[in-house]
PDB file of N, CA and C in Angstrom:
ATOM      1  N   MET A   1       4.214  84.791  81.871  1.00  0.00           N
ATOM      2  CA  MET A   1       5.929  84.742  81.426  1.00  0.00           C
ATOM      3  C   MET A   1       6.021  83.545  80.075  1.00  0.00           C
ATOM      4  N   GLY A   2       6.218  83.978  79.487  1.00  0.00           N
ATOM      5  CA  GLY A   2       6.627  83.047  78.388  1.00  0.00           C
ATOM      6  C   GLY A   2       7.762  82.181  78.646  1.00  0.00           C
ATOM      7  N   ILE A   3       8.298  81.243  77.352  1.00  0.00           N
ATOM      8  CA  ILE A   3       9.543  80.705  77.424  1.00  0.00           C
ATOM      9  C   ILE A   3      10.428  81.228  77.102  1.00  0.00           C
ATOM     10  N   LYS A   4      10.431  82.331  76.341  1.00  0.00           N
ATOM     11  CA  LYS A   4      11.539  83.390  75.836  1.00  0.00           C
ATOM     12  C   LYS A   4      12.076  83.945  77.071  1.00  0.00           C
ATOM     13  N   SER A   5      11.297  84.645  77.482  1.00  0.00           N
ATOM     14  CA  SER A   5      11.546  85.500  78.990  1.00  0.00           C
ATOM     15  C   SER A   5      12.100  84.478  79.860  1.00  0.00           C
ATOM     16  N   PHE A   6      11.607  83.371  80.463  1.00  0.00           N
ATOM     17  CA  PHE A   6      12.312  82.238  81.011  1.00  0.00           C
ATOM     18  C   PHE A   6      13.807  82.037  80.854  1.00  0.00           C
ATOM     19  N   LEU A   7      13.897  81.657  79.657  1.00  0.00           N
ATOM     20  CA  LEU A   7      15.422  81.371  79.255  1.00  0.00           C
ATOM     21  C   LEU A   7      16.249  82.454  79.004  1.00  0.00           C
ATOM     22  N   ALA A   8      15.836  83.567  79.139  1.00  0.00           N
ATOM     23  CA  ALA A   8      16.802  85.031  79.111  1.00  0.00           C
ATOM     24  C   ALA A   8      17.067  85.450  80.798  1.00  0.00           C
ATOM     25  N   GLN A   9      15.996  85.223  81.752  1.00  0.00           N
ATOM     26  CA  GLN A   9      16.293  85.082  82.939  1.00  0.00           C
ATOM     27  C   GLN A   9      17.087  84.081  83.480  1.00  0.00           C
ATOM     28  N   CYS A  10      17.277  83.238  82.888  1.00  0.00           N
ATOM     29  CA  CYS A  10      18.234  81.888  83.301  1.00  0.00           C
ATOM     30  C   CYS A  10      19.536  82.159  82.597  1.00  0.00           C
ATOM     31  N   ALA A  11      19.682  82.657  81.375  1.00  0.00           N
ATOM     32  CA  ALA A  11      21.063  83.123  80.807  1.00  0.00           C
ATOM     33  C   ALA A  11      21.692  84.164  81.548  1.00  0.00           C
ATOM     34  N   ARG A  12      20.814  85.203  82.048  1.00  0.00           N
ATOM     35  CA  ARG A  12      21.065  86.370  83.193  1.00  0.00           C
ATOM     36  C   ARG A  12      21.676  85.655  84.312  1.00  0.00           C
ATOM     37  N   THR A  13      21.024  84.507  85.089  1.00  0.00           N
ATOM     38  CA  THR A  13      21.642  83.959  85.969  1.00  0.00           C
ATOM     39  C   THR A  13      22.846  83.321  85.921  1.00  0.00           C
ATOM     40  N   LEU A  14      22.964  82.469  84.746  1.00  0.00           N
ATOM     41  CA  LEU A  14      24.135  81.674  84.733  1.00  0.00           C
ATOM     42  C   LEU A  14      25.370  82.535  84.283  1.00  0.00           C
ATOM     43  N   LYS A  15      25.070  84.053  83.755  1.00  0.00           N
ATOM     44  CA  LYS A  15      26.069  84.926  83.511  1.00  0.00           C
ATOM     45  C   LYS A  15      27.027  85.477  85.032  1.00  0.00           C
ATOM     46  N   LEU A  16      25.856  85.489  85.875  1.00  0.00           N
ATOM     47  CA  LEU A  16      26.253  86.340  86.914  1.00  0.00           C
ATOM     48  C   LEU A  16      26.677  85.176  88.291  1.00  0.00           C
ATOM     49  N   ALA A  17      26.533  83.842  87.803  1.00  0.00           N
ATOM     50  CA  ALA A  17      26.963  82.876  88.892  1.00  0.00           C
ATOM     51  C   ALA A  17      28.550  82.754  88.740  1.00  0.00           C
ATOM     52  N   VAL A  18      29.220  82.354  89.726  1.00  0.00           N
ATOM     53  CA  VAL A  18      30.792  82.145  89.710  1.00  0.00           C
ATOM     54  C   VAL A  18      31.151  80.735  90.686  1.00  0.00           C
ATOM     55  N   LYS A  19      31.845  80.123  90.116  1.00  0.00           N
ATOM     56  CA  LYS A  19      32.540  79.378  91.121  1.00  0.00           C
ATOM     57  C   LYS A  19      32.960  79.307  92.160  1.00  0.00           C
ATOM     58  N   PRO A  20      32.336  78.607  93.345  1.00  0.00           N
ATOM     59  CA  PRO A  20      32.898  79.036  94.863  1.00  0.00           C
ATOM     60  C   PRO A  20      34.489  78.749  94.942  1.00  0.00           C
ATOM     61  N   GLY A  21      34.907  79.664  95.526  1.00  0.00           N
ATOM     62  CA  GLY A  21      36.377  79.253  96.163  1.00  0.00           C
ATOM     63  C   GLY A  21      36.504  78.303  97.091  1.00  0.00           C
ATOM     64  N   ARG A  22      37.762  77.873  97.603  1.00  0.00           N
ATOM     65  CA  ARG A  22      37.993  76.664  98.017  1.00  0.00           C
ATOM     66  C   ARG A  22      37.512  76.827  99.260  1.00  0.00           C
ATOM     67  N   GLU A  23      37.652  77.787 100.229  1.00  0.00           N
ATOM     68  CA  GLU A  23      36.816  78.022 101.668  1.00  0.00           C
ATOM     69  C   GLU A  23      35.444  78.050 101.410  1.00  0.00           C
ATOM     70  N   GLU A  24      34.833  78.899 100.695  1.00  0.00           N
ATOM     71  CA  GLU A  24      33.548  78.581 100.541  1.00  0.00           C
ATOM     72  C   GLU A  24      32.899  77.063 100.212  1.00  0.00           C
ATOM     73  N   LEU A  25      33.182  76.720  99.508  1.00  0.00           N
ATOM     74  CA  LEU A  25      33.227  75.164  99.138  1.00  0.00           C
ATOM     75  C   LEU A  25      33.331  74.413 100.449  1.00  0.00           C
ATOM     76  N   TRP A  26      34.369  74.340 101.188  1.00  0.00           N
ATOM     77  CA  TRP A  26      34.657  73.772 102.285  1.00  0.00           C
ATOM     78  C   TRP A  26      33.698  73.886 103.350  1.00  0.00           C
ATOM     79  N   LEU A  27      33.307  75.415 103.603  1.00  0.00           N
ATOM     80  CA  LEU A  27      32.366  75.849 104.462  1.00  0.00           C
ATOM     81  C   LEU A  27      30.619  74.910 103.988  1.00  0.00           C
ATOM     82  N   SER A  28      30.543  75.109 102.798  1.00  0.00           N
ATOM     83  CA  SER A  28      29.241  74.383 102.257  1.00  0.00           C
ATOM     84  C   SER A  28      29.326  72.798 102.865  1.00  0.00           C
ATOM     85  N   ILE A  29      30.169  72.351 102.481  1.00  0.00           N
ATOM     86  CA  ILE A  29      30.594  70.900 102.816  1.00  0.00           C
ATOM     87  C   ILE A  29      30.157  70.394 104.357  1.00  0.00           C
ATOM     88  N   LYS A  30      31.010  71.590 105.133  1.00  0.00           N
ATOM     89  CA  LYS A  30      31.134  71.249 106.654  1.00  0.00           C
ATOM     90  C   LYS A  30      29.703  71.346 107.005  1.00  0.00           C
ATOM     91  N   ILE A  31      28.663  72.345 106.601  1.00  0.00           N
ATOM     92  CA  ILE A  31      27.321  72.643 107.169  1.00  0.00           C
ATOM     93  C   ILE A  31      26.377  71.393 106.420  1.00  0.00           C
ATOM     94  N   SER A  32      26.789  71.113 105.189  1.00  0.00           N
ATOM     95  CA  SER A  32      25.766  69.905 105.054  1.00  0.00           C
ATOM     96  C   SER A  32      26.148  68.619 105.697  1.00  0.00           C
ATOM     97  N   VAL A  33      27.546  68.090 105.784  1.00  0.00           N
ATOM     98  CA  VAL A  33      27.481  67.365 106.907  1.00  0.00           C
ATOM     99  C   VAL A  33      27.037  67.355 108.470  1.00  0.00           C
ATOM    100  N   LEU A  34      27.237  68.494 108.768  1.00  0.00           N
ATOM    101  CA  LEU A  34      26.589  69.118 109.829  1.00  0.00           C
ATOM    102  C   LEU A  34      25.098  68.604 109.983  1.00  0.00           C
ATOM    103  N   GLY A  35      24.513  69.145 109.211  1.00  0.00           N
ATOM    104  CA  GLY A  35      23.059  69.113 108.977  1.00  0.00           C
ATOM    105  C   GLY A  35      22.365  67.610 108.621  1.00  0.00           C
ATOM    106  N   ILE A  36      23.009  66.859 107.838  1.00  0.00           N
ATOM    107  CA  ILE A  36      22.724  65.315 107.822  1.00  0.00           C
ATOM    108  C   ILE A  36      23.176  64.671 109.153  1.00  0.00           C
ATOM    109  N   GLY A  37      24.223  64.905 109.994  1.00  0.00           N
ATOM    110  CA  GLY A  37      24.449  64.452 111.211  1.00  0.00           C
ATOM    111  C   GLY A  37      23.445  64.745 112.251  1.00  0.00           C
ATOM    112  N   VAL A  38      22.771  65.785 112.177  1.00  0.00           N
ATOM    113  CA  VAL A  38      22.075  66.143 113.094  1.00  0.00           C
ATOM    114  C   VAL A  38      20.546  65.334 112.908  1.00  0.00           C
ATOM    115  N   VAL A  39      20.253  65.469 111.356  1.00  0.00           N
ATOM    116  CA  VAL A  39      18.901  64.790 111.160  1.00  0.00           C
ATOM    117  C   VAL A  39      19.312  63.540 111.620  1.00  0.00           C
ATOM    118  N   GLY A  40      20.214  62.507 111.238  1.00  0.00           N
ATOM    119  CA  GLY A  40      20.393  61.360 111.713  1.00  0.00           C
ATOM    120  C   GLY A  40      20.488  61.180 113.230  1.00  0.00           C
ATOM    121  N   LEU A  41      21.011  62.107 113.645  1.00  0.00           N
ATOM    122  CA  LEU A  41      21.070  62.000 115.494  1.00  0.00           C
ATOM    123  C   LEU A  41      19.175  62.297 115.778  1.00  0.00           C
ATOM    124  N   VAL A  42      19.067  63.002 115.463  1.00  0.00           N
ATOM    125  CA  VAL A  42      17.241  63.311 115.790  1.00  0.00           C
ATOM    126  C   VAL A  42      16.508  61.807 115.371  1.00  0.00           C
ATOM    127  N   GLY A  43      17.004  61.321 114.519  1.00  0.00           N
ATOM    128  CA  GLY A  43      16.068  60.027 113.930  1.00  0.00           C
ATOM    129  C   GLY A  43      16.558  58.958 115.240  1.00  0.00           C
ATOM    130  N   PHE A  44      17.660  58.740 115.442  1.00  0.00           N
ATOM    131  CA  PHE A  44      18.194  57.666 116.108  1.00  0.00           C
ATOM    132  C   PHE A  44      17.620  57.945 117.568  1.00  0.00           C
ATOM    133  N   ALA A  45      17.353  59.381 118.052  1.00  0.00           N
ATOM    134  CA  ALA A  45      17.185  59.549 119.353  1.00  0.00           C
ATOM    135  C   ALA A  45      15.738  59.362 119.440  1.00  0.00           C
ATOM    136  N   ILE A  46      14.533  59.445 118.499  1.00  0.00           N
ATOM    137  CA  ILE A  46      13.298  59.004 118.284  1.00  0.00           C
ATOM    138  C   ILE A  46      13.243  57.667 118.241  1.00  0.00           C
ATOM    139  N   LYS A  47      14.135  56.819 117.706  1.00  0.00           N
ATOM    140  CA  LYS A  47      13.953  55.368 117.127  1.00  0.00           C
ATOM    141  C   LYS A  47      14.326  55.148 118.858  1.00  0.00           C
ATOM    142  N   TYR A  48      15.210  55.317 119.564  1.00  0.00           N
ATOM    143  CA  TYR A  48      15.839  54.862 120.985  1.00  0.00           C
ATOM    144  C   TYR A  48      14.614  55.266 121.638  1.00  0.00           C
ATOM    145  N   ILE A  49      13.866  56.032 121.625  1.00  0.00           N
ATOM    146  CA  ILE A  49      12.978  56.548 122.702  1.00  0.00           C
ATOM    147  C   ILE A  49      11.598  55.698 122.650  1.00  0.00           C
ATOM    148  N   SER A  50      11.395  55.333 121.331  1.00  0.00           N
ATOM    149  CA  SER A  50      10.131  54.913 120.957  1.00  0.00           C
ATOM    150  C   SER A  50      10.512  53.280 121.495  1.00  0.00           C
ATOM    151  N   PHE A  51      12.020  52.523 121.192  1.00  0.00           N
ATOM    152  CA  PHE A  51      11.993  51.189 121.629  1.00  0.00           C
ATOM    153  C   PHE A  51      12.123  51.201 123.205  1.00  0.00           C
ATOM    154  N   ALA A  52      12.489  52.127 123.937  1.00  0.00           N
ATOM    155  CA  ALA A  52      12.435  52.339 125.425  1.00  0.00           C
ATOM    156  C   ALA A  52      11.078  52.262 125.684  1.00  0.00           C
ATOM    157  N   LEU A  53      10.059  53.023 125.079  1.00  0.00           N
ATOM    158  CA  LEU A  53       8.889  52.834 125.533  1.00  0.00           C
ATOM    159  C   LEU A  53       8.113  51.496 125.580  1.00  0.00           C
ATOM    160  N   GLY A  54       8.776  50.698 124.844  1.00  0.00           N
ATOM    161  CA  GLY A  54       8.240  49.562 124.565  1.00  0.00           C
ATOM    162  C   GLY A  54       7.804  49.604 123.144  1.00  0.00           C
ATOM    163  N   GLY A  55       8.013  50.182 121.957  1.00  0.00           N
ATOM    164  CA  GLY A  55       7.678  50.111 120.853  1.00  0.00           C
ATOM    165  C   GLY A  55       8.453  49.154 120.081  1.00  0.00           C
ATOM    166  N   VAL A  56       8.144  48.984 118.929  1.00  0.00           N
ATOM    167  CA  VAL A  56       8.702  47.924 117.932  1.00  0.00           C
ATOM    168  C   VAL A  56       9.584  48.447 116.869  1.00  0.00           C
TER     169      VAL A  56
END
């Protein structure tokens, strides 16, 4: 795959891309915040369990 082909595919993709609507953007933000919260909660739980078992 050459550079010219790659650039043509990028241009085609950008032509098809559209801005998300307000509802779609809000849903993406909520899902992202929820995911970050879950990852943080899991990390906190692991740290808490480690501390409770006598770790540092």
